[in-house]
Amino acid sequence: MIYNKDKIDTMEVRLENTRAQMRKGVLELCVMSIIAHEEAYPTDIINKLKEANLLVVEGTLYPLLNRLKDADLLQYTWRESRSGPPRKYYQLTEQGYEFLAGLKETWHELNYAVNLSQQNPMTNEQDI
């Protein structure tokens, strides 16, 4: 079968766009989960996301942190740094923990639905 290069390129672009949207959709859950374990400095958050193969840059993270802070889901404290100016360390607020619990519940429901939708009804196994 001969494939049209333009169609392949279009499909690759569409796939990458969809991947990016999926990552953005779970980024808030991932960031809040990291902060829930312990207060975190943005560079630490980025490093933990990188370890999980979620590549995020400061230009994406800082606006998210500000939105979460403005929604009273996060707060921060200033800490002195050994090498430079003081740093902001983020923590979840009580509302943040409640919100995170809701996000986790939604994630589990979505994960279940996606996994179920991928099962082959004839074998009860996933197609992928």
C-alpha atoms as a PDB file:
ATOM      1  CA  MET A   1       0.000   0.000   0.000  1.00  0.00           C
ATOM      2  CA  ILE A   2       1.368   3.432  -0.920  1.00  0.00           C
ATOM      3  CA  TYR A   3       0.917   6.220   1.620  1.00  0.00           C
ATOM      4  CA  ASN A   4       0.749   9.854   0.740  1.00  0.00           C
ATOM      5  CA  LYS A   5       3.553  11.719   2.567  1.00  0.00           C
ATOM      6  CA  ASP A   6       1.272  14.710   3.216  1.00  0.00           C
ATOM      7  CA  LYS A   7      -1.298  12.447   4.874  1.00  0.00           C
ATOM      8  CA  ILE A   8       1.389  10.851   7.039  1.00  0.00           C
ATOM      9  CA  ASP A   9       2.745  14.272   8.039  1.00  0.00           C
ATOM     10  CA  THR A  10      -0.779  15.488   8.829  1.00  0.00           C
ATOM     11  CA  MET A  11      -1.445  12.396  10.914  1.00  0.00           C
ATOM     12  CA  GLU A  12       1.818  12.839  12.830  1.00  0.00           C
ATOM     13  CA  VAL A  13       0.999  16.485  13.555  1.00  0.00           C
ATOM     14  CA  ARG A  14      -2.526  15.557  14.659  1.00  0.00           C
ATOM     15  CA  LEU A  15      -1.162  12.788  16.893  1.00  0.00           C
ATOM     16  CA  GLU A  16       1.394  15.103  18.499  1.00  0.00           C
ATOM     17  CA  ASN A  17      -1.296  17.755  19.082  1.00  0.00           C
ATOM     18  CA  THR A  18      -3.519  15.153  20.731  1.00  0.00           C
ATOM     19  CA  ARG A  19      -0.631  13.939  22.889  1.00  0.00           C
ATOM     20  CA  ALA A  20       0.066  17.521  23.995  1.00  0.00           C
ATOM     21  CA  GLN A  21      -3.596  18.049  24.906  1.00  0.00           C
ATOM     22  CA  MET A  22      -3.648  14.817  26.896  1.00  0.00           C
ATOM     23  CA  ARG A  23      -0.513  15.867  28.797  1.00  0.00           C
ATOM     24  CA  LYS A  24      -2.010  19.275  29.552  1.00  0.00           C
ATOM     25  CA  GLY A  25      -5.156  17.574  30.787  1.00  0.00           C
ATOM     26  CA  VAL A  26      -3.300  15.604  33.443  1.00  0.00           C
ATOM     27  CA  LEU A  27      -0.665  18.206  34.303  1.00  0.00           C
ATOM     28  CA  GLU A  28      -2.734  19.828  37.057  1.00  0.00           C
ATOM     29  CA  LEU A  29      -3.294  16.428  38.668  1.00  0.00           C
ATOM     30  CA  CYS A  30       0.409  15.576  38.468  1.00  0.00           C
ATOM     31  CA  VAL A  31       1.604  18.933  39.824  1.00  0.00           C
ATOM     32  CA  MET A  32      -0.842  18.888  42.715  1.00  0.00           C
ATOM     33  CA  SER A  33       0.050  15.271  43.511  1.00  0.00           C
ATOM     34  CA  ILE A  34       3.746  16.153  43.693  1.00  0.00           C
ATOM     35  CA  ILE A  35       3.066  19.088  46.003  1.00  0.00           C
ATOM     36  CA  ALA A  36       0.738  16.959  48.166  1.00  0.00           C
ATOM     37  CA  HIS A  37       3.662  14.685  49.086  1.00  0.00           C
ATOM     38  CA  GLU A  38       5.794  17.601  50.265  1.00  0.00           C
ATOM     39  CA  GLU A  39       6.080  21.309  49.708  1.00  0.00           C
ATOM     40  CA  ALA A  40       7.962  21.936  46.509  1.00  0.00           C
ATOM     41  CA  TYR A  41      10.014  24.511  44.676  1.00  0.00           C
ATOM     42  CA  PRO A  42       9.075  24.848  40.972  1.00  0.00           C
ATOM     43  CA  THR A  43      12.414  23.464  39.764  1.00  0.00           C
ATOM     44  CA  ASP A  44      11.839  20.369  41.919  1.00  0.00           C
ATOM     45  CA  ILE A  45       8.370  19.970  40.383  1.00  0.00           C
ATOM     46  CA  ILE A  46       9.795  20.210  36.865  1.00  0.00           C
ATOM     47  CA  ASN A  47      12.474  17.629  37.690  1.00  0.00           C
ATOM     48  CA  LYS A  48       9.915  15.176  39.076  1.00  0.00           C
ATOM     49  CA  LEU A  49       7.740  15.640  35.998  1.00  0.00           C
ATOM     50  CA  LYS A  50      10.781  15.007  33.784  1.00  0.00           C
ATOM     51  CA  GLU A  51      11.471  11.779  35.696  1.00  0.00           C
ATOM     52  CA  ALA A  52       7.934  10.723  34.759  1.00  0.00           C
ATOM     53  CA  ASN A  53       8.546  11.690  31.094  1.00  0.00           C
ATOM     54  CA  LEU A  54       6.228  14.699  31.318  1.00  0.00           C
ATOM     55  CA  LEU A  55       8.412  17.427  29.902  1.00  0.00           C
ATOM     56  CA  VAL A  56       7.258  20.788  31.215  1.00  0.00           C
ATOM     57  CA  VAL A  57       8.974  24.150  31.000  1.00  0.00           C
ATOM     58  CA  GLU A  58       8.801  27.027  33.459  1.00  0.00           C
ATOM     59  CA  GLY A  59       6.621  28.981  31.022  1.00  0.00           C
ATOM     60  CA  THR A  60       3.958  26.304  31.441  1.00  0.00           C
ATOM     61  CA  LEU A  61       4.392  25.589  35.144  1.00  0.00           C
ATOM     62  CA  TYR A  62       4.397  29.116  36.599  1.00  0.00           C
ATOM     63  CA  PRO A  63       1.026  30.155  35.093  1.00  0.00           C
ATOM     64  CA  LEU A  64      -0.482  26.889  36.368  1.00  0.00           C
ATOM     65  CA  LEU A  65       0.911  27.482  39.867  1.00  0.00           C
ATOM     66  CA  ASN A  66      -0.465  31.036  39.827  1.00  0.00           C
ATOM     67  CA  ARG A  67      -3.927  29.841  38.719  1.00  0.00           C
ATOM     68  CA  LEU A  68      -3.972  27.229  41.474  1.00  0.00           C
ATOM     69  CA  LYS A  69      -2.847  29.828  44.033  1.00  0.00           C
ATOM     70  CA  ASP A  70      -5.486  32.306  42.870  1.00  0.00           C
ATOM     71  CA  ALA A  71      -8.103  29.562  43.259  1.00  0.00           C
ATOM     72  CA  ASP A  72      -6.944  29.053  46.890  1.00  0.00           C
ATOM     73  CA  LEU A  73      -5.771  25.524  46.098  1.00  0.00           C
ATOM     74  CA  LEU A  74      -2.107  26.356  46.738  1.00  0.00           C
ATOM     75  CA  GLN A  75      -0.193  28.646  49.025  1.00  0.00           C
ATOM     76  CA  TYR A  76       3.496  29.345  49.258  1.00  0.00           C
ATOM     77  CA  THR A  77       6.129  30.321  51.744  1.00  0.00           C
ATOM     78  CA  TRP A  78       9.392  32.075  51.088  1.00  0.00           C
ATOM     79  CA  ARG A  79      12.588  30.280  52.057  1.00  0.00           C
ATOM     80  CA  GLU A  80      16.105  31.586  52.085  1.00  0.00           C
ATOM     81  CA  SER A  81      18.392  30.040  49.505  1.00  0.00           C
ATOM     82  CA  ARG A  82      22.060  29.213  49.923  1.00  0.00           C
ATOM     83  CA  SER A  83      22.729  30.337  46.380  1.00  0.00           C
ATOM     84  CA  GLY A  84      20.690  33.389  45.492  1.00  0.00           C
ATOM     85  CA  PRO A  85      17.435  35.091  46.354  1.00  0.00           C
ATOM     86  CA  PRO A  86      14.696  33.547  48.515  1.00  0.00           C
ATOM     87  CA  ARG A  87      12.551  30.876  46.858  1.00  0.00           C
ATOM     88  CA  LYS A  88       8.827  30.164  46.853  1.00  0.00           C
ATOM     89  CA  TYR A  89       7.875  26.731  48.141  1.00  0.00           C
ATOM     90  CA  TYR A  90       4.332  25.634  47.338  1.00  0.00           C
ATOM     91  CA  GLN A  91       1.961  23.651  49.551  1.00  0.00           C
ATOM     92  CA  LEU A  92      -1.624  22.530  49.060  1.00  0.00           C
ATOM     93  CA  THR A  93      -4.286  24.298  51.070  1.00  0.00           C
ATOM     94  CA  GLU A  94      -7.092  22.376  52.751  1.00  0.00           C
ATOM     95  CA  GLN A  95      -9.232  23.165  49.686  1.00  0.00           C
ATOM     96  CA  GLY A  96      -6.351  21.964  47.530  1.00  0.00           C
ATOM     97  CA  TYR A  97      -6.358  18.545  49.187  1.00  0.00           C
ATOM     98  CA  GLU A  98     -10.120  18.275  48.677  1.00  0.00           C
ATOM     99  CA  PHE A  99      -9.787  19.337  45.046  1.00  0.00           C
ATOM    100  CA  LEU A 100      -6.956  16.864  44.482  1.00  0.00           C
ATOM    101  CA  ALA A 101      -9.111  14.060  45.897  1.00  0.00           C
ATOM    102  CA  GLY A 102     -11.767  14.966  43.324  1.00  0.00           C
ATOM    103  CA  LEU A 103      -9.186  15.025  40.524  1.00  0.00           C
ATOM    104  CA  LYS A 104      -7.889  11.606  41.540  1.00  0.00           C
ATOM    105  CA  GLU A 105     -11.405  10.185  41.612  1.00  0.00           C
ATOM    106  CA  THR A 106     -12.070  11.604  38.151  1.00  0.00           C
ATOM    107  CA  TRP A 107      -8.753  10.186  36.901  1.00  0.00           C
ATOM    108  CA  HIS A 108      -9.622   6.705  38.183  1.00  0.00           C
ATOM    109  CA  GLU A 109     -13.066   6.891  36.536  1.00  0.00           C
ATOM    110  CA  LEU A 110     -11.563   8.031  33.226  1.00  0.00           C
ATOM    111  CA  ASN A 111      -8.791   5.449  33.383  1.00  0.00           C
ATOM    112  CA  TYR A 112     -11.354   2.712  33.991  1.00  0.00           C
ATOM    113  CA  ALA A 113     -13.550   3.937  31.123  1.00  0.00           C
ATOM    114  CA  VAL A 114     -10.638   4.167  28.692  1.00  0.00           C
ATOM    115  CA  ASN A 115      -9.351   0.716  29.616  1.00  0.00           C
ATOM    116  CA  LEU A 116     -12.825  -0.770  29.338  1.00  0.00           C
ATOM    117  CA  SER A 117     -13.427   0.853  25.950  1.00  0.00           C
ATOM    118  CA  GLN A 118     -10.224  -0.709  24.620  1.00  0.00           C
ATOM    119  CA  GLN A 119     -11.155  -4.247  25.578  1.00  0.00           C
ATOM    120  CA  ASN A 120     -12.057  -6.682  22.853  1.00  0.00           C
ATOM    121  CA  PRO A 121     -15.480  -8.044  23.871  1.00  0.00           C
ATOM    122  CA  MET A 122     -14.644 -11.417  22.314  1.00  0.00           C
ATOM    123  CA  THR A 123     -11.513 -12.038  24.395  1.00  0.00           C
ATOM    124  CA  ASN A 124     -11.865  -9.548  27.276  1.00  0.00           C
ATOM    125  CA  GLU A 125      -8.343  -8.380  26.442  1.00  0.00           C
ATOM    126  CA  GLN A 126      -7.154  -4.979  25.330  1.00  0.00           C
ATOM    127  CA  ASP A 127      -6.635  -4.474  21.605  1.00  0.00           C
ATOM    128  CA  ILE A 128      -3.455  -2.492  22.153  1.00  0.00           C
END
